[in-house]
Amino acid sequence: MKSSVIISAVALTLLSASAICTADSPAEKQAKIRKGVSETLQDLYKLQPGARGAIQKAAGYAVFKNFGTNVLVVSTASGSGIATNNQTKQETFMKMVSAGAGLGIGVKDFRVIFVFETDKAFKQFLDSGWSGSGQADAAAKAGASGGAVSGAVEVAPDVYVYQITKNGLALQLTLQGTKYYKDDDLNK
């Protein structure tokens, strides 16, 4: 009985999210994502003023707007965003999905900002995506040399992440079981 309730709740959440997203044309989706990226960066700069300089000096960055739910023992999240190459200014539209287990009930509206210090790290993110489950050990590191990415969490060599929740800059970063990848429908 419990498992059917969980499965039903997760299915309803995912169907609702996909129904909302499919109503817009690709151009409308891109415009909404760009607006979300702009708002997220402005929020980050208010909360962490040094982030502006870190992002400007980076090889590239990626900004995601995400929504997650936790129903009993199953948690899911999905989102979208843009990865931007600072040198060429080329945008790559991307998606995010996450799944995990953990006791609780609730929803979470959050933003994730990746900062790539090297072209190699940025290119690897674009070509291979990124999976949080493979980086669980790295998530415990905080800060950066010389304070260049102060307030961010190092999740891989040359990759730092800021996370913003509705209440401000997150003190804890949880990306376990998360996959970031190119959105083939919006990158045509």
C-alpha atoms as a PDB file:
ATOM      1  CA  MET A   1       0.000   0.000   0.000  1.00  0.00           C
ATOM      2  CA  LYS A   2       2.770   2.455   0.942  1.00  0.00           C
ATOM      3  CA  SER A   3       4.678   1.773  -2.262  1.00  0.00           C
ATOM      4  CA  SER A   4       1.626   2.458  -4.456  1.00  0.00           C
ATOM      5  CA  VAL A   5       1.057   5.790  -2.660  1.00  0.00           C
ATOM      6  CA  ILE A   6       4.713   6.748  -3.192  1.00  0.00           C
ATOM      7  CA  ILE A   7       4.694   5.732  -6.842  1.00  0.00           C
ATOM      8  CA  SER A   8       1.444   7.614  -7.443  1.00  0.00           C
ATOM      9  CA  ALA A   9       2.754  10.777  -5.774  1.00  0.00           C
ATOM     10  CA  VAL A  10       6.017  10.714  -7.740  1.00  0.00           C
ATOM     11  CA  ALA A  11       4.186  10.032 -11.021  1.00  0.00           C
ATOM     12  CA  LEU A  12       1.748  12.884 -10.391  1.00  0.00           C
ATOM     13  CA  THR A  13       4.598  15.275  -9.608  1.00  0.00           C
ATOM     14  CA  LEU A  14       6.527  14.337 -12.753  1.00  0.00           C
ATOM     15  CA  LEU A  15       3.441  14.467 -14.990  1.00  0.00           C
ATOM     16  CA  SER A  16       2.464  17.879 -13.643  1.00  0.00           C
ATOM     17  CA  ALA A  17       5.953  19.232 -14.266  1.00  0.00           C
ATOM     18  CA  SER A  18       6.088  17.846 -17.812  1.00  0.00           C
ATOM     19  CA  ALA A  19       2.601  19.158 -18.653  1.00  0.00           C
ATOM     20  CA  ILE A  20       3.608  22.658 -17.597  1.00  0.00           C
ATOM     21  CA  CYS A  21       6.815  22.521 -19.648  1.00  0.00           C
ATOM     22  CA  THR A  22       5.245  21.151 -22.854  1.00  0.00           C
ATOM     23  CA  ALA A  23       2.729  24.005 -23.220  1.00  0.00           C
ATOM     24  CA  ASP A  24       5.401  26.436 -24.449  1.00  0.00           C
ATOM     25  CA  SER A  25       7.175  26.603 -27.805  1.00  0.00           C
ATOM     26  CA  PRO A  26      10.982  26.112 -27.806  1.00  0.00           C
ATOM     27  CA  ALA A  27      11.500  29.893 -28.137  1.00  0.00           C
ATOM     28  CA  GLU A  28       9.167  30.534 -25.182  1.00  0.00           C
ATOM     29  CA  LYS A  29      10.982  27.906 -23.097  1.00  0.00           C
ATOM     30  CA  GLN A  30      14.342  29.486 -23.947  1.00  0.00           C
ATOM     31  CA  ALA A  31      13.055  32.940 -22.972  1.00  0.00           C
ATOM     32  CA  LYS A  32      11.747  31.631 -19.622  1.00  0.00           C
ATOM     33  CA  ILE A  33      15.035  29.870 -18.905  1.00  0.00           C
ATOM     34  CA  ARG A  34      17.061  32.994 -19.771  1.00  0.00           C
ATOM     35  CA  LYS A  35      14.846  35.075 -17.459  1.00  0.00           C
ATOM     36  CA  GLY A  36      15.339  32.537 -14.646  1.00  0.00           C
ATOM     37  CA  VAL A  37      19.121  32.589 -15.182  1.00  0.00           C
ATOM     38  CA  SER A  38      19.209  36.390 -15.044  1.00  0.00           C
ATOM     39  CA  GLU A  39      17.097  36.507 -11.861  1.00  0.00           C
ATOM     40  CA  THR A  40      19.200  33.786 -10.232  1.00  0.00           C
ATOM     41  CA  LEU A  41      22.462  35.594 -10.961  1.00  0.00           C
ATOM     42  CA  GLN A  42      21.066  38.853  -9.555  1.00  0.00           C
ATOM     43  CA  ASP A  43      19.961  37.026  -6.392  1.00  0.00           C
ATOM     44  CA  LEU A  44      23.378  35.395  -6.061  1.00  0.00           C
ATOM     45  CA  TYR A  45      25.196  38.717  -6.445  1.00  0.00           C
ATOM     46  CA  LYS A  46      23.040  40.243  -3.689  1.00  0.00           C
ATOM     47  CA  LEU A  47      23.724  37.323  -1.340  1.00  0.00           C
ATOM     48  CA  GLN A  48      27.374  36.768  -2.290  1.00  0.00           C
ATOM     49  CA  PRO A  49      28.830  39.903  -3.960  1.00  0.00           C
ATOM     50  CA  GLY A  50      32.178  38.207  -4.638  1.00  0.00           C
ATOM     51  CA  ALA A  51      30.446  35.671  -6.887  1.00  0.00           C
ATOM     52  CA  ARG A  52      30.188  38.246  -9.697  1.00  0.00           C
ATOM     53  CA  GLY A  53      33.979  38.474 -10.011  1.00  0.00           C
ATOM     54  CA  ALA A  54      34.431  34.708  -9.735  1.00  0.00           C
ATOM     55  CA  ILE A  55      31.924  34.117 -12.535  1.00  0.00           C
ATOM     56  CA  GLN A  56      33.393  36.844 -14.762  1.00  0.00           C
ATOM     57  CA  LYS A  57      36.917  35.382 -14.394  1.00  0.00           C
ATOM     58  CA  ALA A  58      35.806  31.776 -14.912  1.00  0.00           C
ATOM     59  CA  ALA A  59      36.078  29.853 -18.180  1.00  0.00           C
ATOM     60  CA  GLY A  60      32.335  29.343 -17.989  1.00  0.00           C
ATOM     61  CA  TYR A  61      29.357  28.959 -15.715  1.00  0.00           C
ATOM     62  CA  ALA A  62      26.000  27.199 -15.622  1.00  0.00           C
ATOM     63  CA  VAL A  63      22.836  28.337 -13.877  1.00  0.00           C
ATOM     64  CA  PHE A  64      19.888  26.029 -13.092  1.00  0.00           C
ATOM     65  CA  LYS A  65      16.442  26.627 -11.643  1.00  0.00           C
ATOM     66  CA  ASN A  66      15.202  23.457  -9.951  1.00  0.00           C
ATOM     67  CA  PHE A  67      12.157  22.158  -8.137  1.00  0.00           C
ATOM     68  CA  GLY A  68      12.196  19.130  -5.871  1.00  0.00           C
ATOM     69  CA  THR A  69       9.702  17.065  -3.914  1.00  0.00           C
ATOM     70  CA  ASN A  70      10.089  14.583  -1.100  1.00  0.00           C
ATOM     71  CA  VAL A  71       7.203  12.175  -0.508  1.00  0.00           C
ATOM     72  CA  LEU A  72       7.740   9.753   2.401  1.00  0.00           C
ATOM     73  CA  VAL A  73      10.947   7.962   1.355  1.00  0.00           C
ATOM     74  CA  VAL A  74      11.311   9.085  -2.285  1.00  0.00           C
ATOM     75  CA  SER A  75      12.740  12.422  -3.369  1.00  0.00           C
ATOM     76  CA  THR A  76      12.836  13.741  -6.929  1.00  0.00           C
ATOM     77  CA  ALA A  77      13.829  16.989  -8.593  1.00  0.00           C
ATOM     78  CA  SER A  78      13.962  18.412 -12.080  1.00  0.00           C
ATOM     79  CA  GLY A  79      15.058  21.652 -13.624  1.00  0.00           C
ATOM     80  CA  SER A  80      16.561  23.516 -16.522  1.00  0.00           C
ATOM     81  CA  GLY A  81      19.278  26.028 -17.116  1.00  0.00           C
ATOM     82  CA  ILE A  82      22.000  27.400 -19.340  1.00  0.00           C
ATOM     83  CA  ALA A  83      25.748  26.779 -19.474  1.00  0.00           C
ATOM     84  CA  THR A  84      27.621  29.802 -20.835  1.00  0.00           C
ATOM     85  CA  ASN A  85      31.146  29.882 -22.240  1.00  0.00           C
ATOM     86  CA  ASN A  86      32.629  33.177 -21.007  1.00  0.00           C
ATOM     87  CA  GLN A  87      35.051  33.480 -23.929  1.00  0.00           C
ATOM     88  CA  THR A  88      32.616  32.855 -26.794  1.00  0.00           C
ATOM     89  CA  LYS A  89      29.379  33.771 -24.916  1.00  0.00           C
ATOM     90  CA  GLN A  90      27.788  30.646 -26.458  1.00  0.00           C
ATOM     91  CA  GLU A  91      24.801  29.332 -24.512  1.00  0.00           C
ATOM     92  CA  THR A  92      23.981  25.646 -24.129  1.00  0.00           C
ATOM     93  CA  PHE A  93      20.538  24.835 -22.757  1.00  0.00           C
ATOM     94  CA  MET A  94      20.579  22.016 -20.238  1.00  0.00           C
ATOM     95  CA  LYS A  95      18.330  19.900 -18.030  1.00  0.00           C
ATOM     96  CA  MET A  96      18.671  18.452 -14.536  1.00  0.00           C
ATOM     97  CA  VAL A  97      17.068  15.394 -12.956  1.00  0.00           C
ATOM     98  CA  SER A  98      17.571  13.988  -9.494  1.00  0.00           C
ATOM     99  CA  ALA A  99      16.317  11.056  -7.507  1.00  0.00           C
ATOM    100  CA  GLY A 100      17.080   9.817  -4.053  1.00  0.00           C
ATOM    101  CA  ALA A 101      15.803   8.344  -0.857  1.00  0.00           C
ATOM    102  CA  GLY A 102      15.216  10.046   2.433  1.00  0.00           C
ATOM    103  CA  LEU A 103      12.469  10.244   4.989  1.00  0.00           C
ATOM    104  CA  GLY A 104      10.308  13.346   4.757  1.00  0.00           C
ATOM    105  CA  ILE A 105       7.590  15.298   3.031  1.00  0.00           C
ATOM    106  CA  GLY A 106       8.006  18.622   1.334  1.00  0.00           C
ATOM    107  CA  VAL A 107       8.966  20.678  -1.688  1.00  0.00           C
ATOM    108  CA  LYS A 108      12.094  22.675  -2.403  1.00  0.00           C
ATOM    109  CA  ASP A 109      12.570  25.501  -4.875  1.00  0.00           C
ATOM    110  CA  PHE A 110      16.294  25.990  -5.406  1.00  0.00           C
ATOM    111  CA  ARG A 111      18.911  27.377  -7.793  1.00  0.00           C
ATOM    112  CA  VAL A 112      22.340  25.930  -8.559  1.00  0.00           C
ATOM    113  CA  ILE A 113      25.190  27.938 -10.085  1.00  0.00           C
ATOM    114  CA  PHE A 114      28.270  26.072 -11.346  1.00  0.00           C
ATOM    115  CA  VAL A 115      31.523  28.006 -11.834  1.00  0.00           C
ATOM    116  CA  PHE A 116      34.138  26.348 -14.083  1.00  0.00           C
ATOM    117  CA  GLU A 117      37.639  27.678 -13.553  1.00  0.00           C
ATOM    118  CA  THR A 118      39.133  25.959 -16.615  1.00  0.00           C
ATOM    119  CA  ASP A 119      38.055  25.320 -20.207  1.00  0.00           C
ATOM    120  CA  LYS A 120      38.679  21.618 -19.608  1.00  0.00           C
ATOM    121  CA  ALA A 121      36.214  21.481 -16.697  1.00  0.00           C
ATOM    122  CA  PHE A 122      33.597  23.454 -18.662  1.00  0.00           C
ATOM    123  CA  LYS A 123      33.991  21.311 -21.794  1.00  0.00           C
ATOM    124  CA  GLN A 124      33.743  18.122 -19.740  1.00  0.00           C
ATOM    125  CA  PHE A 125      30.496  19.383 -18.186  1.00  0.00           C
ATOM    126  CA  LEU A 126      29.035  20.100 -21.635  1.00  0.00           C
ATOM    127  CA  ASP A 127      30.243  16.872 -23.253  1.00  0.00           C
ATOM    128  CA  SER A 128      29.553  14.434 -20.413  1.00  0.00           C
ATOM    129  CA  GLY A 129      27.084  16.217 -18.197  1.00  0.00           C
ATOM    130  CA  TRP A 130      27.649  15.882 -14.499  1.00  0.00           C
ATOM    131  CA  SER A 131      26.473  13.384 -11.968  1.00  0.00           C
ATOM    132  CA  GLY A 132      26.369  14.388  -8.323  1.00  0.00           C
ATOM    133  CA  SER A 133      26.475  10.822  -7.069  1.00  0.00           C
ATOM    134  CA  GLY A 134      29.995  10.431  -8.433  1.00  0.00           C
ATOM    135  CA  GLN A 135      31.143  13.554  -6.589  1.00  0.00           C
ATOM    136  CA  ALA A 136      29.798  12.876  -3.087  1.00  0.00           C
ATOM    137  CA  ASP A 137      33.252  12.943  -1.446  1.00  0.00           C
ATOM    138  CA  ALA A 138      34.231  16.233  -3.082  1.00  0.00           C
ATOM    139  CA  ALA A 139      31.109  17.998  -1.811  1.00  0.00           C
ATOM    140  CA  ALA A 140      32.598  18.236   1.671  1.00  0.00           C
ATOM    141  CA  LYS A 141      35.284  20.703   0.512  1.00  0.00           C
ATOM    142  CA  ALA A 142      34.520  24.384   0.928  1.00  0.00           C
ATOM    143  CA  GLY A 143      36.158  27.610  -0.170  1.00  0.00           C
ATOM    144  CA  ALA A 144      38.817  28.184  -2.788  1.00  0.00           C
ATOM    145  CA  SER A 145      42.420  29.257  -3.037  1.00  0.00           C
ATOM    146  CA  GLY A 146      42.775  32.970  -2.459  1.00  0.00           C
ATOM    147  CA  GLY A 147      39.053  33.362  -1.826  1.00  0.00           C
ATOM    148  CA  ALA A 148      38.328  33.502  -5.572  1.00  0.00           C
ATOM    149  CA  VAL A 149      35.122  31.496  -5.138  1.00  0.00           C
ATOM    150  CA  SER A 150      34.329  32.352  -1.535  1.00  0.00           C
ATOM    151  CA  GLY A 151      30.992  30.933  -0.417  1.00  0.00           C
ATOM    152  CA  ALA A 152      30.962  28.176  -3.036  1.00  0.00           C
ATOM    153  CA  VAL A 153      31.504  24.456  -2.565  1.00  0.00           C
ATOM    154  CA  GLU A 154      34.107  22.599  -4.625  1.00  0.00           C
ATOM    155  CA  VAL A 155      32.433  19.560  -6.211  1.00  0.00           C
ATOM    156  CA  ALA A 156      35.233  18.512  -8.598  1.00  0.00           C
ATOM    157  CA  PRO A 157      38.627  19.852  -9.630  1.00  0.00           C
ATOM    158  CA  ASP A 158      38.113  23.385 -10.994  1.00  0.00           C
ATOM    159  CA  VAL A 159      34.323  23.214 -10.450  1.00  0.00           C
ATOM    160  CA  TYR A 160      32.573  25.204  -7.719  1.00  0.00           C
ATOM    161  CA  VAL A 161      28.876  25.440  -6.927  1.00  0.00           C
ATOM    162  CA  TYR A 162      26.652  27.984  -5.231  1.00  0.00           C
ATOM    163  CA  GLN A 163      23.179  26.882  -4.175  1.00  0.00           C
ATOM    164  CA  ILE A 164      20.378  29.331  -3.432  1.00  0.00           C
ATOM    165  CA  THR A 165      17.167  28.318  -1.716  1.00  0.00           C
ATOM    166  CA  LYS A 166      14.092  30.437  -1.065  1.00  0.00           C
ATOM    167  CA  ASN A 167      15.719  31.479   2.226  1.00  0.00           C
ATOM    168  CA  GLY A 168      19.009  32.573   0.679  1.00  0.00           C
ATOM    169  CA  LEU A 169      22.424  31.042   0.145  1.00  0.00           C
ATOM    170  CA  ALA A 170      22.441  27.405   1.225  1.00  0.00           C
ATOM    171  CA  LEU A 171      24.837  26.330   3.939  1.00  0.00           C
ATOM    172  CA  GLN A 172      24.710  22.765   2.717  1.00  0.00           C
ATOM    173  CA  LEU A 173      24.957  21.457  -0.821  1.00  0.00           C
ATOM    174  CA  THR A 174      23.255  18.205  -1.756  1.00  0.00           C
ATOM    175  CA  LEU A 175      23.688  17.110  -5.366  1.00  0.00           C
ATOM    176  CA  GLN A 176      23.830  13.363  -4.774  1.00  0.00           C
ATOM    177  CA  GLY A 177      21.947  11.391  -7.394  1.00  0.00           C
ATOM    178  CA  THR A 178      21.720  14.406  -9.705  1.00  0.00           C
ATOM    179  CA  LYS A 179      22.425  14.422 -13.439  1.00  0.00           C
ATOM    180  CA  TYR A 180      22.959  17.514 -15.604  1.00  0.00           C
ATOM    181  CA  TYR A 181      22.847  17.121 -19.401  1.00  0.00           C
ATOM    182  CA  LYS A 182      22.236  18.999 -22.678  1.00  0.00           C
ATOM    183  CA  ASP A 183      18.643  19.714 -23.691  1.00  0.00           C
ATOM    184  CA  ASP A 184      18.522  18.390 -27.255  1.00  0.00           C
ATOM    185  CA  ASP A 185      15.141  20.029 -27.915  1.00  0.00           C
ATOM    186  CA  LEU A 186      16.378  23.564 -27.149  1.00  0.00           C
ATOM    187  CA  ASN A 187      19.876  23.351 -28.694  1.00  0.00           C
ATOM    188  CA  LYS A 188      18.835  22.906 -32.331  1.00  0.00           C
END
